[in-house]
Amino acid sequence: MNLKEAFQAQNKIGELLDYIGHYLSGIDNVMTVMEKHLRSKALAGQQDESVDVSRKSEEMFEVGKLIDIWQQLMHEKEQLGLAIGKAKAGMSFNLDAAVDANKSRRSFLMTMQLLANRKSSHVLQKGEGRGYVFNNDGNQTTYCYDIDRIMTIDYDRNKVRAMVKELTRESDEVSIKIDEALLHTQVDYEPKFDLAGEESFIIEELMEK
């Protein structure tokens, strides 16, 4: 399998491990609850009855078998992780560093694009100002005036636009490099399980083996 397929398998195994952990965390899935209706103690001649009131999930997986499957999947996750690590070590560049750097690059690019699109502007706010003066009688009076709200960019927008162009070019090139590596880098790993389908469906198949 190639590196992209290996990462997909790794993610799926992780989802299956989480699914099993969640299932086993449900008290109704791991315990049987019985109610004994002691009718004979209340009225002679009445029959006692035991009722199973457990509220198990519809899958009703066998707990012991499910724990075994978790151990098998965990082993496969470790083996796959080692195979992926070996495959990445043989690459011409550090894949993890490239992915992380491109993530930061694209995040900052969004900020730079906002800066590139900003413009200096002004808004005349009519009558928004309030002032106070004394009239001829010596009394304080209020008067209104206009406020011209001026917003001016504090940077070279042309420089920012040039950087946007360069960041876009660089991030696109790195993305292509990463995609090609994911498709063409082979991982020495043979899947032990069929990982296609929903988690519950995969677990059901593993329970039958």
N, C-alpha and C. Protein backbone atom coordinates (compact mmCIF):
# COMPACT_ATOMS: atom_id res chain seq x y z
N MET A 1 0.84 -1.19 0.00
CA MET A 1 0.00 0.00 0.00
C MET A 1 0.88 1.24 0.00
N ASN A 2 0.32 2.35 -0.53
CA ASN A 2 1.09 3.58 -0.50
C ASN A 2 0.87 4.30 0.84
N LEU A 3 1.58 5.39 1.01
CA LEU A 3 1.54 6.09 2.29
C LEU A 3 0.16 6.67 2.59
N LYS A 4 -0.54 7.13 1.56
CA LYS A 4 -1.88 7.66 1.77
C LYS A 4 -2.82 6.58 2.28
N GLU A 5 -2.75 5.40 1.68
CA GLU A 5 -3.58 4.28 2.11
C GLU A 5 -3.21 3.85 3.53
N ALA A 6 -1.92 3.92 3.83
CA ALA A 6 -1.45 3.53 5.17
C ALA A 6 -1.99 4.48 6.23
N PHE A 7 -1.99 5.77 5.93
CA PHE A 7 -2.55 6.75 6.88
C PHE A 7 -4.05 6.52 7.07
N GLN A 8 -4.75 6.21 5.98
CA GLN A 8 -6.19 5.94 6.08
C GLN A 8 -6.44 4.71 6.94
N ALA A 9 -5.61 3.66 6.76
CA ALA A 9 -5.75 2.45 7.58
C ALA A 9 -5.45 2.76 9.04
N GLN A 10 -4.44 3.59 9.27
CA GLN A 10 -4.07 3.97 10.63
C GLN A 10 -5.21 4.71 11.32
N ASN A 11 -5.83 5.63 10.59
CA ASN A 11 -6.96 6.38 11.15
C ASN A 11 -8.14 5.46 11.46
N LYS A 12 -8.39 4.49 10.55
CA LYS A 12 -9.53 3.58 10.74
C LYS A 12 -9.30 2.69 11.95
N ILE A 13 -8.08 2.20 12.11
CA ILE A 13 -7.78 1.37 13.27
C ILE A 13 -7.97 2.18 14.55
N GLY A 14 -7.55 3.44 14.52
CA GLY A 14 -7.75 4.31 15.67
C GLY A 14 -9.22 4.49 16.01
N GLU A 15 -10.05 4.63 14.97
CA GLU A 15 -11.49 4.77 15.18
C GLU A 15 -12.09 3.49 15.78
N LEU A 16 -11.59 2.34 15.34
CA LEU A 16 -12.08 1.07 15.87
C LEU A 16 -11.69 0.91 17.34
N LEU A 17 -10.47 1.31 17.68
CA LEU A 17 -10.02 1.23 19.08
C LEU A 17 -10.89 2.14 19.96
N ASP A 18 -11.19 3.33 19.46
CA ASP A 18 -12.05 4.25 20.21
C ASP A 18 -13.46 3.69 20.35
N TYR A 19 -13.94 3.06 19.28
CA TYR A 19 -15.29 2.48 19.30
C TYR A 19 -15.39 1.40 20.38
N ILE A 20 -14.39 0.54 20.42
CA ILE A 20 -14.39 -0.54 21.41
C ILE A 20 -14.31 0.03 22.82
N GLY A 21 -13.44 1.03 23.01
CA GLY A 21 -13.31 1.64 24.32
C GLY A 21 -14.61 2.27 24.78
N HIS A 22 -15.30 2.95 23.85
CA HIS A 22 -16.58 3.56 24.18
C HIS A 22 -17.62 2.50 24.52
N TYR A 23 -17.63 1.42 23.75
CA TYR A 23 -18.60 0.35 23.99
C TYR A 23 -18.39 -0.27 25.37
N LEU A 24 -17.15 -0.53 25.72
CA LEU A 24 -16.85 -1.18 27.00
C LEU A 24 -17.03 -0.23 28.18
N SER A 25 -17.12 1.07 27.90
CA SER A 25 -17.34 2.04 28.97
C SER A 25 -18.81 2.11 29.38
N GLY A 26 -19.69 1.58 28.53
CA GLY A 26 -21.12 1.57 28.85
C GLY A 26 -21.44 0.46 29.83
N ILE A 27 -21.89 0.83 31.01
CA ILE A 27 -22.13 -0.17 32.06
C ILE A 27 -23.12 -1.24 31.63
N ASP A 28 -24.13 -0.87 30.85
CA ASP A 28 -25.12 -1.85 30.41
C ASP A 28 -24.54 -2.85 29.42
N ASN A 29 -23.43 -2.49 28.77
CA ASN A 29 -22.82 -3.40 27.80
C ASN A 29 -21.94 -4.46 28.47
N VAL A 30 -21.56 -4.22 29.72
CA VAL A 30 -20.62 -5.15 30.37
C VAL A 30 -21.22 -5.81 31.61
N MET A 31 -22.48 -5.49 31.92
CA MET A 31 -23.11 -6.10 33.09
C MET A 31 -24.53 -6.56 32.75
N THR A 32 -24.94 -7.65 33.38
CA THR A 32 -26.31 -8.13 33.24
C THR A 32 -27.08 -7.73 34.50
N VAL A 33 -28.21 -7.09 34.30
CA VAL A 33 -29.02 -6.63 35.43
C VAL A 33 -30.29 -7.47 35.51
N MET A 34 -30.46 -8.16 36.63
CA MET A 34 -31.64 -9.01 36.84
C MET A 34 -32.47 -8.45 37.99
N GLU A 35 -33.77 -8.46 37.82
CA GLU A 35 -34.69 -8.08 38.89
C GLU A 35 -35.47 -9.33 39.33
N LYS A 36 -35.45 -9.57 40.63
CA LYS A 36 -36.22 -10.69 41.18
C LYS A 36 -37.50 -10.15 41.80
N HIS A 37 -38.61 -10.51 41.20
CA HIS A 37 -39.91 -10.07 41.69
C HIS A 37 -40.42 -11.10 42.73
N LEU A 38 -40.30 -10.72 44.01
CA LEU A 38 -40.59 -11.65 45.10
C LEU A 38 -42.08 -11.59 45.47
N ARG A 39 -42.91 -12.08 44.57
CA ARG A 39 -44.36 -12.03 44.78
C ARG A 39 -44.82 -12.96 45.90
N SER A 40 -44.15 -14.10 46.06
CA SER A 40 -44.59 -15.10 47.05
C SER A 40 -44.48 -14.58 48.47
N LYS A 41 -43.57 -13.63 48.68
CA LYS A 41 -43.44 -13.07 50.03
C LYS A 41 -44.59 -12.13 50.36
N ALA A 42 -45.14 -11.55 49.32
CA ALA A 42 -46.25 -10.62 49.54
C ALA A 42 -47.60 -11.32 49.59
N LEU A 43 -47.72 -12.42 48.81
CA LEU A 43 -49.01 -13.12 48.75
C LEU A 43 -48.78 -14.59 48.48
N ALA A 44 -49.23 -15.41 49.39
CA ALA A 44 -49.04 -16.86 49.27
C ALA A 44 -49.66 -17.37 47.99
N GLY A 45 -48.92 -18.29 47.33
CA GLY A 45 -49.43 -18.89 46.11
C GLY A 45 -48.97 -18.19 44.84
N GLN A 46 -48.42 -16.98 44.98
CA GLN A 46 -47.92 -16.26 43.81
C GLN A 46 -46.50 -16.73 43.47
N GLN A 47 -46.22 -16.74 42.20
CA GLN A 47 -44.93 -17.23 41.73
C GLN A 47 -43.91 -16.08 41.63
N ASP A 48 -42.71 -16.34 42.11
CA ASP A 48 -41.61 -15.39 41.95
C ASP A 48 -41.16 -15.39 40.48
N GLU A 49 -40.55 -14.31 40.06
CA GLU A 49 -40.12 -14.20 38.67
C GLU A 49 -38.81 -13.41 38.58
N SER A 50 -37.90 -13.88 37.75
CA SER A 50 -36.66 -13.16 37.48
C SER A 50 -36.74 -12.53 36.10
N VAL A 51 -36.46 -11.23 36.03
CA VAL A 51 -36.56 -10.50 34.77
C VAL A 51 -35.24 -9.84 34.44
N ASP A 52 -34.77 -10.07 33.22
CA ASP A 52 -33.54 -9.42 32.74
C ASP A 52 -33.92 -8.02 32.24
N VAL A 53 -33.43 -7.01 32.95
CA VAL A 53 -33.75 -5.63 32.58
C VAL A 53 -32.52 -4.91 32.02
N SER A 54 -31.55 -5.68 31.58
CA SER A 54 -30.33 -5.08 31.01
C SER A 54 -30.69 -4.26 29.77
N ARG A 55 -30.01 -3.15 29.59
CA ARG A 55 -30.25 -2.28 28.43
C ARG A 55 -28.99 -2.24 27.58
N LYS A 56 -28.66 -3.40 27.03
CA LYS A 56 -27.44 -3.50 26.23
C LYS A 56 -27.63 -2.91 24.84
N SER A 57 -26.52 -2.53 24.24
CA SER A 57 -26.57 -2.05 22.85
C SER A 57 -27.05 -3.18 21.97
N GLU A 58 -27.63 -2.82 20.83
CA GLU A 58 -28.19 -3.85 19.95
C GLU A 58 -27.13 -4.80 19.41
N GLU A 59 -25.86 -4.36 19.38
CA GLU A 59 -24.80 -5.26 18.89
C GLU A 59 -24.58 -6.43 19.85
N MET A 60 -24.66 -6.16 21.17
CA MET A 60 -24.48 -7.18 22.20
C MET A 60 -23.21 -7.99 21.98
N PHE A 61 -22.08 -7.28 21.85
CA PHE A 61 -20.80 -7.95 21.64
C PHE A 61 -20.37 -8.69 22.91
N GLU A 62 -19.72 -9.83 22.72
CA GLU A 62 -19.16 -10.58 23.85
C GLU A 62 -17.95 -9.80 24.37
N VAL A 63 -17.98 -9.46 25.64
CA VAL A 63 -16.96 -8.58 26.22
C VAL A 63 -15.56 -9.17 26.10
N GLY A 64 -15.40 -10.43 26.48
CA GLY A 64 -14.08 -11.05 26.42
C GLY A 64 -13.51 -11.05 25.01
N LYS A 65 -14.33 -11.37 24.03
CA LYS A 65 -13.89 -11.41 22.64
C LYS A 65 -13.55 -10.00 22.15
N LEU A 66 -14.33 -9.05 22.63
CA LEU A 66 -14.10 -7.66 22.22
C LEU A 66 -12.77 -7.16 22.75
N ILE A 67 -12.41 -7.55 23.96
CA ILE A 67 -11.11 -7.17 24.52
C ILE A 67 -9.99 -7.79 23.71
N ASP A 68 -10.17 -9.04 23.29
CA ASP A 68 -9.16 -9.71 22.46
C ASP A 68 -8.99 -8.96 21.13
N ILE A 69 -10.09 -8.54 20.54
CA ILE A 69 -10.03 -7.81 19.27
C ILE A 69 -9.30 -6.48 19.45
N TRP A 70 -9.55 -5.81 20.58
CA TRP A 70 -8.85 -4.55 20.85
C TRP A 70 -7.34 -4.80 20.88
N GLN A 71 -6.93 -5.88 21.53
CA GLN A 71 -5.50 -6.19 21.61
C GLN A 71 -4.91 -6.47 20.23
N GLN A 72 -5.67 -7.17 19.40
CA GLN A 72 -5.21 -7.46 18.04
C GLN A 72 -5.06 -6.17 17.23
N LEU A 73 -6.07 -5.30 17.34
CA LEU A 73 -6.03 -4.04 16.60
C LEU A 73 -4.90 -3.15 17.10
N MET A 74 -4.67 -3.16 18.40
CA MET A 74 -3.60 -2.35 18.96
C MET A 74 -2.25 -2.82 18.43
N HIS A 75 -2.08 -4.12 18.34
CA HIS A 75 -0.84 -4.67 17.78
C HIS A 75 -0.67 -4.24 16.33
N GLU A 76 -1.76 -4.28 15.57
CA GLU A 76 -1.69 -3.86 14.17
C GLU A 76 -1.38 -2.38 14.05
N LYS A 77 -1.93 -1.57 14.95
CA LYS A 77 -1.65 -0.14 14.91
C LYS A 77 -0.16 0.12 15.14
N GLU A 78 0.40 -0.61 16.09
CA GLU A 78 1.84 -0.45 16.38
C GLU A 78 2.68 -0.89 15.19
N GLN A 79 2.34 -2.02 14.58
CA GLN A 79 3.10 -2.51 13.44
C GLN A 79 2.99 -1.57 12.24
N LEU A 80 1.79 -1.06 12.01
CA LEU A 80 1.58 -0.13 10.91
C LEU A 80 2.34 1.17 11.16
N GLY A 81 2.33 1.62 12.42
CA GLY A 81 3.06 2.83 12.77
C GLY A 81 4.54 2.69 12.50
N LEU A 82 5.11 1.52 12.82
CA LEU A 82 6.53 1.26 12.56
C LEU A 82 6.81 1.26 11.06
N ALA A 83 5.91 0.65 10.28
CA ALA A 83 6.08 0.58 8.83
C ALA A 83 5.99 1.97 8.20
N ILE A 84 5.07 2.79 8.70
CA ILE A 84 4.94 4.16 8.19
C ILE A 84 6.19 4.96 8.53
N GLY A 85 6.69 4.79 9.76
CA GLY A 85 7.89 5.50 10.16
C GLY A 85 9.08 5.13 9.30
N LYS A 86 9.20 3.86 8.96
CA LYS A 86 10.30 3.39 8.11
C LYS A 86 10.18 3.97 6.71
N ALA A 87 8.95 4.01 6.20
CA ALA A 87 8.72 4.56 4.86
C ALA A 87 9.03 6.04 4.82
N LYS A 88 8.65 6.78 5.85
CA LYS A 88 8.90 8.22 5.88
C LYS A 88 10.39 8.52 6.03
N ALA A 89 11.10 7.63 6.74
CA ALA A 89 12.54 7.83 6.93
C ALA A 89 13.30 7.74 5.61
N GLY A 90 12.74 7.00 4.65
CA GLY A 90 13.40 6.84 3.37
C GLY A 90 13.04 7.91 2.35
N MET A 91 12.23 8.88 2.75
CA MET A 91 11.82 9.93 1.83
C MET A 91 12.91 11.00 1.69
N SER A 92 12.84 11.77 0.63
CA SER A 92 13.85 12.80 0.36
C SER A 92 13.62 14.08 1.18
N PHE A 93 12.49 14.15 1.90
CA PHE A 93 12.22 15.31 2.75
C PHE A 93 11.43 14.85 3.97
N ASN A 94 11.40 15.71 4.97
CA ASN A 94 10.69 15.39 6.21
C ASN A 94 9.20 15.68 6.00
N LEU A 95 8.41 14.62 5.88
CA LEU A 95 6.99 14.77 5.58
C LEU A 95 6.24 15.49 6.70
N ASP A 96 6.48 15.10 7.94
CA ASP A 96 5.77 15.70 9.07
C ASP A 96 6.05 17.19 9.16
N ALA A 97 7.32 17.56 8.98
CA ALA A 97 7.70 18.97 9.05
C ALA A 97 7.05 19.76 7.92
N ALA A 98 6.99 19.15 6.72
CA ALA A 98 6.40 19.82 5.57
C ALA A 98 4.90 20.04 5.76
N VAL A 99 4.21 19.03 6.29
CA VAL A 99 2.78 19.14 6.54
C VAL A 99 2.50 20.21 7.58
N ASP A 100 3.27 20.20 8.66
CA ASP A 100 3.07 21.17 9.74
C ASP A 100 3.36 22.59 9.27
N ALA A 101 4.45 22.75 8.50
CA ALA A 101 4.80 24.08 7.99
C ALA A 101 3.74 24.60 7.03
N ASN A 102 3.22 23.72 6.17
CA ASN A 102 2.22 24.17 5.21
C ASN A 102 0.90 24.52 5.90
N LYS A 103 0.61 23.84 7.00
CA LYS A 103 -0.58 24.18 7.78
C LYS A 103 -0.46 25.60 8.32
N SER A 104 0.72 25.92 8.87
CA SER A 104 0.94 27.27 9.39
C SER A 104 0.95 28.29 8.27
N ARG A 105 1.52 27.90 7.15
CA ARG A 105 1.60 28.81 5.99
C ARG A 105 0.21 29.17 5.48
N ARG A 106 -0.67 28.19 5.36
CA ARG A 106 -2.02 28.45 4.86
C ARG A 106 -2.85 29.23 5.88
N SER A 107 -2.63 28.99 7.15
CA SER A 107 -3.35 29.73 8.18
C SER A 107 -2.97 31.21 8.12
N PHE A 108 -1.67 31.50 7.99
CA PHE A 108 -1.22 32.89 7.92
C PHE A 108 -1.64 33.53 6.61
N LEU A 109 -1.73 32.73 5.57
CA LEU A 109 -2.14 33.24 4.27
C LEU A 109 -3.55 33.84 4.34
N MET A 110 -4.42 33.23 5.12
CA MET A 110 -5.78 33.76 5.28
C MET A 110 -5.74 35.15 5.90
N THR A 111 -4.85 35.33 6.88
CA THR A 111 -4.71 36.64 7.52
C THR A 111 -4.16 37.66 6.54
N MET A 112 -3.17 37.26 5.76
CA MET A 112 -2.55 38.16 4.79
C MET A 112 -3.54 38.57 3.69
N GLN A 113 -4.41 37.64 3.31
CA GLN A 113 -5.41 37.96 2.29
C GLN A 113 -6.40 39.01 2.81
N LEU A 114 -6.71 38.94 4.09
CA LEU A 114 -7.57 39.96 4.69
C LEU A 114 -6.88 41.32 4.66
N LEU A 115 -5.59 41.34 4.99
CA LEU A 115 -4.83 42.59 4.96
C LEU A 115 -4.76 43.15 3.54
N ALA A 116 -4.57 42.26 2.57
CA ALA A 116 -4.45 42.69 1.17
C ALA A 116 -5.73 43.33 0.66
N ASN A 117 -6.85 42.94 1.23
CA ASN A 117 -8.15 43.45 0.76
C ASN A 117 -8.65 44.67 1.54
N ARG A 118 -7.94 45.03 2.60
CA ARG A 118 -8.37 46.20 3.37
C ARG A 118 -8.03 47.49 2.65
N LYS A 119 -8.85 48.51 2.86
CA LYS A 119 -8.62 49.81 2.24
C LYS A 119 -8.79 50.91 3.29
N SER A 120 -8.04 52.00 3.07
CA SER A 120 -8.26 53.16 3.93
C SER A 120 -9.63 53.74 3.62
N SER A 121 -10.30 54.26 4.63
CA SER A 121 -11.64 54.78 4.41
C SER A 121 -12.00 55.79 5.50
N HIS A 122 -13.10 56.45 5.29
CA HIS A 122 -13.58 57.35 6.34
C HIS A 122 -15.11 57.34 6.33
N VAL A 123 -15.67 57.60 7.49
CA VAL A 123 -17.12 57.63 7.65
C VAL A 123 -17.48 58.92 8.38
N LEU A 124 -18.36 59.68 7.79
CA LEU A 124 -18.81 60.91 8.43
C LEU A 124 -20.02 60.60 9.31
N GLN A 125 -19.82 60.76 10.61
CA GLN A 125 -20.88 60.48 11.57
C GLN A 125 -21.55 61.81 11.94
N LYS A 126 -22.64 62.10 11.29
CA LYS A 126 -23.32 63.40 11.46
C LYS A 126 -23.97 63.54 12.83
N GLY A 127 -23.63 64.63 13.48
CA GLY A 127 -24.25 64.94 14.76
C GLY A 127 -23.91 64.01 15.90
N GLU A 128 -22.87 63.17 15.74
CA GLU A 128 -22.53 62.19 16.78
C GLU A 128 -21.72 62.81 17.91
N GLY A 129 -21.04 63.94 17.64
CA GLY A 129 -20.24 64.57 18.68
C GLY A 129 -21.08 65.42 19.62
N ARG A 130 -20.66 65.51 20.86
CA ARG A 130 -21.35 66.34 21.85
C ARG A 130 -20.34 67.27 22.51
N GLY A 131 -20.68 68.58 22.53
CA GLY A 131 -19.83 69.55 23.18
C GLY A 131 -20.63 70.43 24.11
N TYR A 132 -19.92 71.16 24.96
CA TYR A 132 -20.61 72.01 25.93
C TYR A 132 -19.97 73.40 25.93
N VAL A 133 -20.81 74.43 25.92
CA VAL A 133 -20.35 75.83 25.97
C VAL A 133 -21.26 76.61 26.92
N PHE A 134 -20.77 77.75 27.32
CA PHE A 134 -21.58 78.63 28.15
C PHE A 134 -22.21 79.71 27.27
N ASN A 135 -23.49 79.92 27.45
CA ASN A 135 -24.17 80.95 26.66
C ASN A 135 -23.96 82.33 27.29
N ASN A 136 -24.62 83.32 26.71
CA ASN A 136 -24.46 84.69 27.19
C ASN A 136 -24.94 84.89 28.62
N ASP A 137 -25.83 84.00 29.05
CA ASP A 137 -26.35 84.10 30.42
C ASP A 137 -25.48 83.34 31.42
N GLY A 138 -24.41 82.70 30.89
CA GLY A 138 -23.52 81.94 31.79
C GLY A 138 -23.96 80.53 32.06
N ASN A 139 -24.98 80.09 31.33
CA ASN A 139 -25.46 78.72 31.51
C ASN A 139 -24.78 77.76 30.53
N GLN A 140 -24.49 76.55 31.00
CA GLN A 140 -23.86 75.53 30.13
C GLN A 140 -24.89 74.94 29.18
N THR A 141 -24.55 74.92 27.89
CA THR A 141 -25.46 74.35 26.90
C THR A 141 -24.73 73.32 26.05
N THR A 142 -25.51 72.46 25.48
CA THR A 142 -24.94 71.37 24.65
C THR A 142 -25.09 71.71 23.18
N TYR A 143 -24.08 71.33 22.40
CA TYR A 143 -24.20 71.48 20.96
C TYR A 143 -23.69 70.20 20.30
N CYS A 144 -24.13 69.92 19.11
CA CYS A 144 -23.75 68.71 18.35
C CYS A 144 -22.84 69.08 17.19
N TYR A 145 -21.97 68.16 16.85
CA TYR A 145 -21.09 68.39 15.71
C TYR A 145 -20.81 67.05 15.01
N ASP A 146 -20.31 67.12 13.78
CA ASP A 146 -20.01 65.92 13.00
C ASP A 146 -18.64 65.36 13.40
N ILE A 147 -18.51 64.05 13.28
CA ILE A 147 -17.22 63.37 13.50
C ILE A 147 -16.84 62.65 12.22
N ASP A 148 -15.67 62.96 11.71
CA ASP A 148 -15.16 62.27 10.53
C ASP A 148 -14.23 61.15 11.00
N ARG A 149 -14.71 59.90 10.95
CA ARG A 149 -13.94 58.74 11.42
C ARG A 149 -13.06 58.25 10.28
N ILE A 150 -11.74 58.42 10.41
CA ILE A 150 -10.80 58.10 9.35
C ILE A 150 -10.00 56.86 9.72
N MET A 151 -10.03 55.87 8.84
CA MET A 151 -9.28 54.62 9.06
C MET A 151 -8.23 54.50 7.96
N THR A 152 -6.96 54.43 8.38
CA THR A 152 -5.85 54.38 7.44
C THR A 152 -5.02 53.13 7.69
N ILE A 153 -4.71 52.37 6.65
CA ILE A 153 -3.91 51.16 6.82
C ILE A 153 -2.48 51.55 7.20
N ASP A 154 -1.90 50.77 8.10
CA ASP A 154 -0.56 51.08 8.62
C ASP A 154 0.51 50.19 8.01
N TYR A 155 0.32 49.79 6.76
CA TYR A 155 1.29 48.90 6.13
C TYR A 155 1.26 49.11 4.62
N ASP A 156 2.27 48.53 3.97
CA ASP A 156 2.37 48.62 2.52
C ASP A 156 1.53 47.50 1.91
N ARG A 157 0.36 47.85 1.37
CA ARG A 157 -0.54 46.83 0.85
C ARG A 157 0.05 46.10 -0.35
N ASN A 158 0.84 46.80 -1.15
CA ASN A 158 1.48 46.15 -2.30
C ASN A 158 2.45 45.07 -1.84
N LYS A 159 3.16 45.35 -0.76
CA LYS A 159 4.09 44.35 -0.21
C LYS A 159 3.32 43.15 0.31
N VAL A 160 2.19 43.42 0.95
CA VAL A 160 1.36 42.33 1.47
C VAL A 160 0.82 41.48 0.33
N ARG A 161 0.37 42.13 -0.73
CA ARG A 161 -0.16 41.39 -1.89
C ARG A 161 0.92 40.53 -2.53
N ALA A 162 2.12 41.04 -2.58
CA ALA A 162 3.24 40.26 -3.13
C ALA A 162 3.50 39.03 -2.27
N MET A 163 3.39 39.22 -0.96
CA MET A 163 3.61 38.10 -0.05
C MET A 163 2.50 37.06 -0.18
N VAL A 164 1.27 37.52 -0.38
CA VAL A 164 0.14 36.60 -0.60
C VAL A 164 0.42 35.74 -1.82
N LYS A 165 0.89 36.37 -2.87
CA LYS A 165 1.19 35.65 -4.11
C LYS A 165 2.29 34.62 -3.88
N GLU A 166 3.33 35.01 -3.13
CA GLU A 166 4.45 34.10 -2.88
C GLU A 166 4.04 32.96 -1.95
N LEU A 167 3.26 33.27 -0.92
CA LEU A 167 2.80 32.22 0.00
C LEU A 167 1.89 31.22 -0.71
N THR A 168 1.04 31.72 -1.58
CA THR A 168 0.15 30.84 -2.35
C THR A 168 0.95 29.91 -3.23
N ARG A 169 1.94 30.47 -3.93
CA ARG A 169 2.78 29.65 -4.81
C ARG A 169 3.53 28.59 -4.00
N GLU A 170 4.11 29.01 -2.89
CA GLU A 170 4.90 28.09 -2.08
C GLU A 170 4.05 26.99 -1.46
N SER A 171 2.89 27.36 -0.91
CA SER A 171 2.02 26.36 -0.28
C SER A 171 1.47 25.37 -1.30
N ASP A 172 1.18 25.86 -2.50
CA ASP A 172 0.69 24.97 -3.57
C ASP A 172 1.78 23.99 -3.98
N GLU A 173 3.01 24.47 -4.09
CA GLU A 173 4.12 23.59 -4.48
C GLU A 173 4.35 22.52 -3.42
N VAL A 174 4.32 22.91 -2.15
CA VAL A 174 4.53 21.95 -1.07
C VAL A 174 3.38 20.94 -1.03
N SER A 175 2.15 21.41 -1.27
CA SER A 175 0.99 20.51 -1.28
C SER A 175 1.13 19.44 -2.36
N ILE A 176 1.57 19.87 -3.52
CA ILE A 176 1.77 18.92 -4.62
C ILE A 176 2.86 17.91 -4.26
N LYS A 177 3.92 18.40 -3.65
CA LYS A 177 5.02 17.53 -3.23
C LYS A 177 4.55 16.50 -2.20
N ILE A 178 3.72 16.96 -1.27
CA ILE A 178 3.19 16.06 -0.24
C ILE A 178 2.26 15.03 -0.86
N ASP A 179 1.37 15.48 -1.75
CA ASP A 179 0.42 14.57 -2.39
C ASP A 179 1.13 13.50 -3.21
N GLU A 180 2.16 13.90 -3.93
CA GLU A 180 2.92 12.95 -4.73
C GLU A 180 3.63 11.93 -3.84
N ALA A 181 4.16 12.42 -2.72
CA ALA A 181 4.84 11.51 -1.79
C ALA A 181 3.87 10.51 -1.19
N LEU A 182 2.67 10.96 -0.86
CA LEU A 182 1.67 10.06 -0.28
C LEU A 182 1.26 8.96 -1.25
N LEU A 183 1.22 9.30 -2.53
CA LEU A 183 0.78 8.34 -3.54
C LEU A 183 1.90 7.40 -3.98
N HIS A 184 3.14 7.88 -3.98
CA HIS A 184 4.23 7.10 -4.56
C HIS A 184 5.15 6.44 -3.54
N THR A 185 5.05 6.83 -2.27
CA THR A 185 5.87 6.20 -1.24
C THR A 185 5.18 4.93 -0.76
N GLN A 186 5.87 3.81 -0.91
CA GLN A 186 5.30 2.52 -0.53
C GLN A 186 5.59 2.18 0.92
N VAL A 187 4.60 1.58 1.58
CA VAL A 187 4.73 1.15 2.97
C VAL A 187 4.71 -0.37 3.00
N ASP A 188 5.73 -0.95 3.63
CA ASP A 188 5.85 -2.41 3.70
C ASP A 188 4.93 -2.94 4.80
N TYR A 189 3.66 -3.03 4.44
CA TYR A 189 2.66 -3.49 5.42
C TYR A 189 1.53 -4.16 4.68
N GLU A 190 1.13 -5.32 5.17
CA GLU A 190 0.00 -6.05 4.59
C GLU A 190 -1.14 -6.04 5.60
N PRO A 191 -2.28 -5.41 5.27
CA PRO A 191 -3.39 -5.34 6.23
C PRO A 191 -3.87 -6.72 6.66
N LYS A 192 -4.07 -6.87 7.97
CA LYS A 192 -4.56 -8.14 8.51
C LYS A 192 -6.09 -8.17 8.58
N PHE A 193 -6.69 -7.00 8.49
CA PHE A 193 -8.14 -6.90 8.62
C PHE A 193 -8.72 -6.13 7.45
N ASP A 194 -9.98 -6.44 7.13
CA ASP A 194 -10.72 -5.65 6.15
C ASP A 194 -11.29 -4.45 6.89
N LEU A 195 -10.80 -3.26 6.57
CA LEU A 195 -11.17 -2.06 7.31
C LEU A 195 -12.25 -1.24 6.62
N ALA A 196 -12.93 -1.83 5.64
CA ALA A 196 -13.98 -1.10 4.92
C ALA A 196 -15.30 -1.20 5.68
N GLY A 197 -16.02 -0.11 5.77
CA GLY A 197 -17.35 -0.13 6.38
C GLY A 197 -17.40 0.57 7.73
N GLU A 198 -18.58 0.55 8.32
CA GLU A 198 -18.79 1.17 9.62
C GLU A 198 -18.08 0.36 10.71
N GLU A 199 -17.76 1.04 11.82
CA GLU A 199 -17.02 0.40 12.90
C GLU A 199 -17.76 -0.84 13.43
N SER A 200 -19.07 -0.72 13.66
CA SER A 200 -19.83 -1.84 14.21
C SER A 200 -19.83 -3.03 13.26
N PHE A 201 -19.90 -2.75 11.95
CA PHE A 201 -19.89 -3.82 10.95
C PHE A 201 -18.55 -4.55 10.95
N ILE A 202 -17.46 -3.79 11.04
CA ILE A 202 -16.12 -4.39 11.04
C ILE A 202 -15.95 -5.25 12.29
N ILE A 203 -16.39 -4.73 13.44
CA ILE A 203 -16.27 -5.49 14.70
C ILE A 203 -17.08 -6.77 14.62
N GLU A 204 -18.27 -6.73 14.06
CA GLU A 204 -19.11 -7.92 13.92
C GLU A 204 -18.38 -8.98 13.11
N GLU A 205 -17.71 -8.58 12.03
CA GLU A 205 -16.97 -9.54 11.21
C GLU A 205 -15.81 -10.13 11.98
N LEU A 206 -15.13 -9.31 12.76
CA LEU A 206 -13.99 -9.80 13.54
C LEU A 206 -14.47 -10.73 14.65
N MET A 207 -15.65 -10.49 15.19
CA MET A 207 -16.19 -11.36 16.24
C MET A 207 -16.47 -12.76 15.71
N GLU A 208 -16.78 -12.85 14.42
CA GLU A 208 -17.12 -14.15 13.83
C GLU A 208 -15.91 -14.99 13.47
N LYS A 209 -14.73 -14.39 13.50
CA LYS A 209 -13.51 -15.12 13.12
C LYS A 209 -12.98 -15.92 14.30
